[in-house]
């Protein structure tokens, strides 16, 4: 199909997909003429891109017109919709039109229905740290793409060391392939430990250390995250999601709920099997503790957004969280969905 809509927050994988599409469609010798990227945030830029997209390509190969950061999947005025419909009707088979945007398109919009009718909509979203099976699958598929044979234990090591960061995964596999050379034997975990820095200690692992009230380990994990350029607000956001899930599960247990499916629905979990592990994680904690910890995180988020220094704010917050979850607090029962 000559029409594509790529969306998601995995900028690296999205960029790789765009590059693959460009190589498939555009003749390298004619790339300067037949590949165009337009930052199409405004209606006039979108219309410009749609007009260019139906232009016959020069020389050999096809044409690819890329409208990046295009909000057509979230809002679309009548003029843009008219030009879009005309473009999709007239788009030659050798001309490919690509839209991209971080946000998921709204399937209720006429523009999105047109895109679904005439092309493909593809998601490129970063994997959450708890999506362990999906991360293992990503490691396996990416390694296969590089022709690197990995044992199950090696895949597990890379998944834990790197997490769901596709950019770093590609970099590490490139390094491993170069190190292997002509060797056919799969690298051992011990060899990978020498090659790959196990900086995959992710924010969820930090959350687990905080849950245990282990301030020393928590501060070490925080230091490692910051050393690996993990954005402070992303650390806070992940911890907020983790604490919120624990709180919702704890509230259901305190209410006497035993059905894992109902707990999963209340906690907005896609996989009810996670409830088994979550119940173990919140064992010994009280909703009041989790609620105060969540409030502490939200206070830290506001502080960071209003100019507070990153490292001292995060360090102080981590220590406070460890104290709260280790000793217990008094508080009022919250609304878990609030």
Protein backbone atom coordinates (compact mmCIF):
# COMPACT_ATOMS: atom_id res chain seq x y z
CA UNK A 1 0.00 0.00 0.00
CA UNK A 2 1.39 3.44 -0.90
CA UNK A 3 -0.04 5.23 2.17
CA UNK A 4 1.40 4.79 5.66
CA UNK A 5 0.79 6.22 9.14
CA UNK A 6 3.48 5.50 11.75
CA UNK A 7 2.83 6.48 15.33
CA UNK A 8 4.35 5.95 18.76
CA UNK A 9 7.05 7.17 21.15
CA UNK A 10 9.75 4.77 19.94
CA UNK A 11 11.48 7.33 17.75
CA UNK A 12 14.45 5.08 16.99
CA UNK A 13 12.43 2.11 15.67
CA UNK A 14 10.14 4.46 13.76
CA UNK A 15 13.15 6.12 12.10
CA UNK A 16 14.51 2.68 11.14
CA UNK A 17 11.16 1.79 9.57
CA UNK A 18 11.14 5.05 7.62
CA UNK A 19 14.64 4.33 6.35
CA UNK A 20 13.64 0.83 5.25
CA UNK A 21 10.62 2.25 3.42
CA UNK A 22 12.80 4.89 1.75
CA UNK A 23 15.24 2.23 0.54
CA UNK A 24 12.37 0.13 -0.83
CA UNK A 25 10.67 2.99 -2.68
CA UNK A 26 13.31 5.52 -3.70
CA UNK A 27 16.19 4.93 -6.09
CA UNK A 28 19.35 6.00 -4.30
CA UNK A 29 20.64 7.90 -7.33
CA UNK A 30 17.42 9.98 -7.43
CA UNK A 31 16.95 10.42 -3.68
CA UNK A 32 17.53 14.20 -3.70
CA UNK A 33 14.59 14.57 -6.07
CA UNK A 34 12.21 11.85 -4.87
CA UNK A 35 12.49 11.84 -1.06
CA UNK A 36 11.03 14.76 0.87
CA UNK A 37 10.49 15.22 4.59
CA UNK A 38 8.14 17.99 5.73
CA UNK A 39 7.52 19.00 9.35
CA UNK A 40 3.78 19.20 8.81
CA UNK A 41 2.35 20.71 12.00
CA UNK A 42 0.29 23.39 10.22
CA UNK A 43 -2.54 22.90 7.73
CA UNK A 44 -0.59 24.74 5.01
CA UNK A 45 2.35 22.34 5.44
CA UNK A 46 0.07 19.31 5.29
CA UNK A 47 -1.55 20.56 2.10
CA UNK A 48 1.90 21.28 0.62
CA UNK A 49 2.95 17.70 1.38
CA UNK A 50 -0.23 16.20 -0.07
CA UNK A 51 0.25 18.18 -3.27
CA UNK A 52 3.87 17.07 -3.57
CA UNK A 53 3.00 13.44 -2.86
CA UNK A 54 1.05 12.98 -6.09
CA UNK A 55 3.82 14.47 -8.24
CA UNK A 56 5.34 11.98 -10.67
CA UNK A 57 8.81 10.90 -9.51
CA UNK A 58 11.91 11.92 -11.46
CA UNK A 59 14.12 9.33 -13.10
CA UNK A 60 14.10 5.79 -11.75
CA UNK A 61 12.28 4.44 -8.73
CA UNK A 62 9.39 5.93 -6.82
CA UNK A 63 8.69 8.95 -4.65
CA UNK A 64 8.37 9.06 -0.83
CA UNK A 65 6.85 12.10 0.84
CA UNK A 66 7.11 12.07 4.64
CA UNK A 67 4.89 14.38 6.70
CA UNK A 68 6.45 14.18 10.16
CA UNK A 69 4.77 15.23 13.42
CA UNK A 70 1.56 15.51 11.43
CA UNK A 71 -1.57 15.91 13.62
CA UNK A 72 -3.92 14.62 10.95
CA UNK A 73 -4.70 11.60 13.13
CA UNK A 74 -5.87 13.80 16.02
CA UNK A 75 -7.60 16.66 14.22
CA UNK A 76 -8.38 17.41 10.61
CA UNK A 77 -10.20 20.47 9.28
CA UNK A 78 -12.47 20.38 6.26
CA UNK A 79 -9.91 21.90 3.87
CA UNK A 80 -7.20 19.41 4.84
CA UNK A 81 -9.71 16.55 4.70
CA UNK A 82 -10.70 17.56 1.17
CA UNK A 83 -7.06 17.63 0.02
CA UNK A 84 -6.37 14.31 1.78
CA UNK A 85 -9.27 12.55 0.09
CA UNK A 86 -8.25 13.94 -3.30
CA UNK A 87 -4.62 12.91 -2.75
CA UNK A 88 -5.46 9.36 -1.67
CA UNK A 89 -7.74 8.92 -4.70
CA UNK A 90 -5.06 10.15 -7.11
CA UNK A 91 -1.89 8.82 -5.44
CA UNK A 92 0.10 6.86 -8.08
CA UNK A 93 1.27 3.38 -7.09
CA UNK A 94 4.93 4.46 -7.37
CA UNK A 95 4.35 7.39 -4.98
CA UNK A 96 4.31 6.64 -1.27
CA UNK A 97 2.86 9.02 1.32
CA UNK A 98 3.96 8.66 4.95
CA UNK A 99 2.52 10.39 8.02
CA UNK A 100 4.09 10.13 11.46
CA UNK A 101 3.09 11.37 14.92
CA UNK A 102 3.86 10.36 18.53
CA UNK A 103 0.18 9.95 19.46
CA UNK A 104 -2.23 7.19 18.52
CA UNK A 105 -4.64 8.25 15.76
CA UNK A 106 -8.31 8.65 16.64
CA UNK A 107 -10.18 5.97 14.69
CA UNK A 108 -13.39 8.03 14.87
CA UNK A 109 -12.02 10.77 12.60
CA UNK A 110 -12.87 10.78 8.90
CA UNK A 111 -9.20 11.35 8.10
CA UNK A 112 -8.17 8.22 10.00
CA UNK A 113 -10.90 6.15 8.37
CA UNK A 114 -9.54 7.27 5.00
CA UNK A 115 -6.02 6.26 6.01
CA UNK A 116 -7.31 2.86 7.15
CA UNK A 117 -9.08 2.44 3.83
CA UNK A 118 -6.15 3.39 1.62
CA UNK A 119 -3.10 2.34 3.63
CA UNK A 120 -1.54 0.93 6.78
CA UNK A 121 -1.37 2.30 10.31
CA UNK A 122 1.57 0.97 12.29
CA UNK A 123 2.49 1.41 15.95
CA UNK A 124 6.02 2.08 17.25
CA UNK A 125 5.72 2.31 21.02
CA UNK A 126 8.44 1.70 23.57
CA UNK A 127 7.97 -1.44 25.63
CA UNK A 128 7.24 -0.96 29.30
CA UNK A 129 9.84 -2.59 31.60
CA UNK A 130 7.28 -5.10 32.92
CA UNK A 131 6.58 -6.43 29.40
CA UNK A 132 9.26 -9.06 29.91
CA UNK A 133 8.03 -11.51 27.27
CA UNK A 134 7.77 -8.77 24.66
CA UNK A 135 11.28 -7.53 25.50
CA UNK A 136 12.64 -11.08 25.15
CA UNK A 137 10.91 -11.33 21.78
CA UNK A 138 12.42 -7.98 20.73
CA UNK A 139 15.90 -9.22 21.71
CA UNK A 140 15.39 -12.47 19.79
CA UNK A 141 14.09 -10.78 16.63
CA UNK A 142 16.74 -8.07 16.62
CA UNK A 143 19.53 -10.59 17.18
CA UNK A 144 18.18 -12.69 14.32
CA UNK A 145 18.25 -9.60 12.10
CA UNK A 146 21.97 -9.21 12.82
CA UNK A 147 22.62 -12.91 12.37
CA UNK A 148 23.68 -13.29 16.00
CA UNK A 149 22.81 -16.66 17.52
CA UNK A 150 21.81 -16.36 21.18
CA UNK A 151 20.99 -19.01 23.75
CA UNK A 152 17.92 -18.58 25.92
CA UNK A 153 20.05 -17.51 28.90
CA UNK A 154 21.91 -15.01 26.71
CA UNK A 155 18.63 -13.48 25.55
CA UNK A 156 17.48 -13.23 29.16
CA UNK A 157 20.73 -11.52 30.13
CA UNK A 158 20.43 -8.94 27.34
CA UNK A 159 16.76 -8.33 28.15
CA UNK A 160 17.63 -7.61 31.76
CA UNK A 161 20.78 -5.63 30.96
CA UNK A 162 19.25 -3.44 28.24
CA UNK A 163 15.52 -3.53 28.85
CA UNK A 164 13.23 -2.32 26.05
CA UNK A 165 15.62 0.34 24.68
CA UNK A 166 15.77 -0.49 20.95
CA UNK A 167 18.55 2.00 20.19
CA UNK A 168 20.91 0.47 22.76
CA UNK A 169 19.88 -3.04 21.79
CA UNK A 170 20.96 -2.38 18.19
CA UNK A 171 24.22 -0.81 19.34
CA UNK A 172 25.07 -3.72 21.63
CA UNK A 173 24.21 -6.34 19.00
CA UNK A 174 26.37 -4.54 16.45
CA UNK A 175 29.24 -4.68 18.94
CA UNK A 176 28.58 -8.38 19.70
CA UNK A 177 28.49 -9.26 15.99
CA UNK A 178 31.77 -7.43 15.42
CA UNK A 179 33.35 -9.23 18.39
CA UNK A 180 32.13 -12.64 17.18
CA UNK A 181 33.58 -12.17 13.71
CA UNK A 182 33.40 -15.47 11.82
CA UNK A 183 32.66 -17.46 14.95
CA UNK A 184 29.49 -19.54 14.67
CA UNK A 185 29.22 -20.56 18.32
CA UNK A 186 26.76 -18.53 20.38
CA UNK A 187 28.33 -16.21 22.97
CA UNK A 188 28.05 -17.31 26.58
CA UNK A 189 26.50 -15.19 29.30
CA UNK A 190 29.96 -14.79 30.86
CA UNK A 191 31.29 -13.40 27.57
CA UNK A 192 28.33 -11.05 27.19
CA UNK A 193 28.89 -9.75 30.70
CA UNK A 194 32.34 -8.62 29.55
CA UNK A 195 30.92 -6.94 26.45
CA UNK A 196 27.66 -5.44 27.67
CA UNK A 197 27.39 -3.09 30.59
CA UNK A 198 24.44 -4.26 32.65
CA UNK A 199 22.93 -0.83 32.90
CA UNK A 200 19.47 -2.19 32.36
CA UNK A 201 18.66 -1.58 36.02
CA UNK A 202 15.43 0.12 35.17
CA UNK A 203 13.07 2.30 37.11
CA UNK A 204 10.89 -0.69 37.99
CA UNK A 205 13.86 -2.27 39.74
CA UNK A 206 14.32 1.02 41.58
CA UNK A 207 10.66 0.80 42.59
CA UNK A 208 11.16 -2.70 43.96
CA UNK A 209 14.13 -1.54 46.07
CA UNK A 210 12.03 1.38 47.36
CA UNK A 211 9.16 -1.02 48.16
CA UNK A 212 11.56 -3.01 50.32
CA UNK A 213 12.66 0.16 52.11
CA UNK A 214 16.26 -0.41 50.97
CA UNK A 215 17.54 3.15 50.73
CA UNK A 216 21.17 2.21 49.99
CA UNK A 217 20.30 0.04 46.98
CA UNK A 218 17.66 2.54 45.84
CA UNK A 219 20.18 5.38 45.77
CA UNK A 220 22.68 3.22 43.88
CA UNK A 221 20.05 2.30 41.29
CA UNK A 222 19.03 5.95 40.99
CA UNK A 223 22.66 6.94 40.46
CA UNK A 224 22.99 4.34 37.69
CA UNK A 225 19.80 5.49 35.97
CA UNK A 226 20.98 9.10 35.98
CA UNK A 227 24.45 8.08 34.77
CA UNK A 228 22.72 6.40 31.81
CA UNK A 229 20.87 9.64 31.03
CA UNK A 230 17.45 8.41 32.12
CA UNK A 231 15.26 11.57 32.18
CA UNK A 232 14.27 12.49 35.77
CA UNK A 233 10.63 13.07 34.84
CA UNK A 234 10.51 9.67 33.15
CA UNK A 235 11.82 8.07 36.36
CA UNK A 236 9.08 9.82 38.33
CA UNK A 237 6.39 8.87 35.81
CA UNK A 238 7.34 5.18 35.88
CA UNK A 239 7.40 5.13 39.68
CA UNK A 240 4.00 6.84 39.76
CA UNK A 241 2.55 4.13 37.52
CA UNK A 242 4.12 1.41 39.64
CA UNK A 243 2.88 2.87 42.94
CA UNK A 244 -0.57 3.46 41.51
CA UNK A 245 -0.85 -0.19 40.43
CA UNK A 246 0.30 -1.41 43.84
CA UNK A 247 -2.22 0.89 45.51
CA UNK A 248 -5.11 -0.35 43.38
CA UNK A 249 -4.24 -4.00 44.01
CA UNK A 250 -3.82 -3.35 47.76
CA UNK A 251 -7.20 -1.59 47.96
CA UNK A 252 -8.94 -4.53 46.30
CA UNK A 253 -7.27 -6.99 48.67
CA UNK A 254 -8.20 -4.89 51.69
CA UNK A 255 -11.78 -4.88 50.40
CA UNK A 256 -11.74 -8.68 50.43
CA UNK A 257 -11.60 -9.23 46.67
CA UNK A 258 -10.12 -12.62 45.69
CA UNK A 259 -10.95 -12.79 41.99
CA UNK A 260 -7.73 -12.00 40.07
CA UNK A 261 -9.69 -11.05 36.96
CA UNK A 262 -11.65 -8.40 38.85
CA UNK A 263 -8.49 -7.10 40.50
CA UNK A 264 -6.82 -6.91 37.07
CA UNK A 265 -9.78 -5.01 35.65
CA UNK A 266 -9.79 -2.53 38.54
CA UNK A 267 -6.02 -2.00 38.29
CA UNK A 268 -6.27 -1.68 34.49
CA UNK A 269 -3.90 -4.59 33.86
CA UNK A 270 -3.88 -6.12 30.41
CA UNK A 271 -2.64 -9.46 31.74
CA UNK A 272 -4.51 -10.91 34.79
CA UNK A 273 -1.55 -13.25 35.42
CA UNK A 274 0.37 -10.23 36.75
CA UNK A 275 -1.99 -10.09 39.73
CA UNK A 276 -0.37 -13.19 41.28
CA UNK A 277 3.00 -11.43 41.43
CA UNK A 278 1.54 -8.06 42.41
CA UNK A 279 -0.25 -9.59 45.39
CA UNK A 280 3.10 -10.88 46.64
CA UNK A 281 4.69 -7.48 46.10
CA UNK A 282 2.10 -5.60 48.16
CA UNK A 283 2.02 -8.19 50.92
CA UNK A 284 2.86 -6.45 54.20
CA UNK A 285 2.09 -2.99 52.82
CA UNK A 286 -0.99 -0.88 53.58
CA UNK A 287 -2.94 1.38 51.26
CA UNK A 288 -2.15 4.37 53.51
CA UNK A 289 1.57 3.83 52.97
CA UNK A 290 1.18 3.53 49.21
CA UNK A 291 -1.07 6.57 49.08
CA UNK A 292 1.45 8.75 50.95
CA UNK A 293 4.26 7.45 48.73
CA UNK A 294 2.22 8.36 45.65
CA UNK A 295 1.61 11.86 47.02
CA UNK A 296 5.35 12.23 47.65
CA UNK A 297 6.11 11.31 44.04
CA UNK A 298 3.56 13.75 42.67
CA UNK A 299 5.05 16.51 44.85
CA UNK A 300 8.49 15.70 43.42
CA UNK A 301 7.08 15.81 39.87
CA UNK A 302 5.71 19.31 40.46
CA UNK A 303 9.04 20.39 41.95
CA UNK A 304 10.99 19.14 38.92
CA UNK A 305 8.60 20.81 36.50
CA UNK A 306 8.95 24.14 38.32
CA UNK A 307 12.73 24.27 38.27
CA UNK A 308 13.98 22.20 41.21
CA UNK A 309 17.42 20.60 40.78
CA UNK A 310 17.11 17.07 39.42
CA UNK A 311 19.59 15.04 41.46
CA UNK A 312 18.93 16.45 44.97
CA UNK A 313 15.17 16.30 44.39
CA UNK A 314 15.26 12.67 43.24
CA UNK A 315 17.64 11.60 46.02
CA UNK A 316 15.50 13.21 48.71
CA UNK A 317 12.35 11.70 47.22
CA UNK A 318 13.83 8.20 47.09
CA UNK A 319 14.89 8.40 50.74
CA UNK A 320 11.43 9.64 51.74
CA UNK A 321 9.76 6.82 49.82
CA UNK A 322 11.97 4.19 51.46
CA UNK A 323 11.11 5.57 54.88
CA UNK A 324 7.39 5.62 54.13
CA UNK A 325 7.23 2.05 52.83
CA UNK A 326 9.59 0.68 55.47
CA UNK A 327 7.95 2.16 58.57
CA UNK A 328 4.30 2.75 57.61
CA UNK A 329 2.32 5.95 57.82
CA UNK A 330 -1.02 7.25 58.81
CA UNK A 331 -3.27 8.53 56.09
CA UNK A 332 -6.68 8.54 54.59
CA UNK A 333 -7.88 5.95 52.16
CA UNK A 334 -7.82 7.44 48.67
CA UNK A 335 -9.82 6.91 45.55
CA UNK A 336 -7.53 4.64 43.55
CA UNK A 337 -8.78 6.00 40.26
CA UNK A 338 -8.22 9.57 41.24
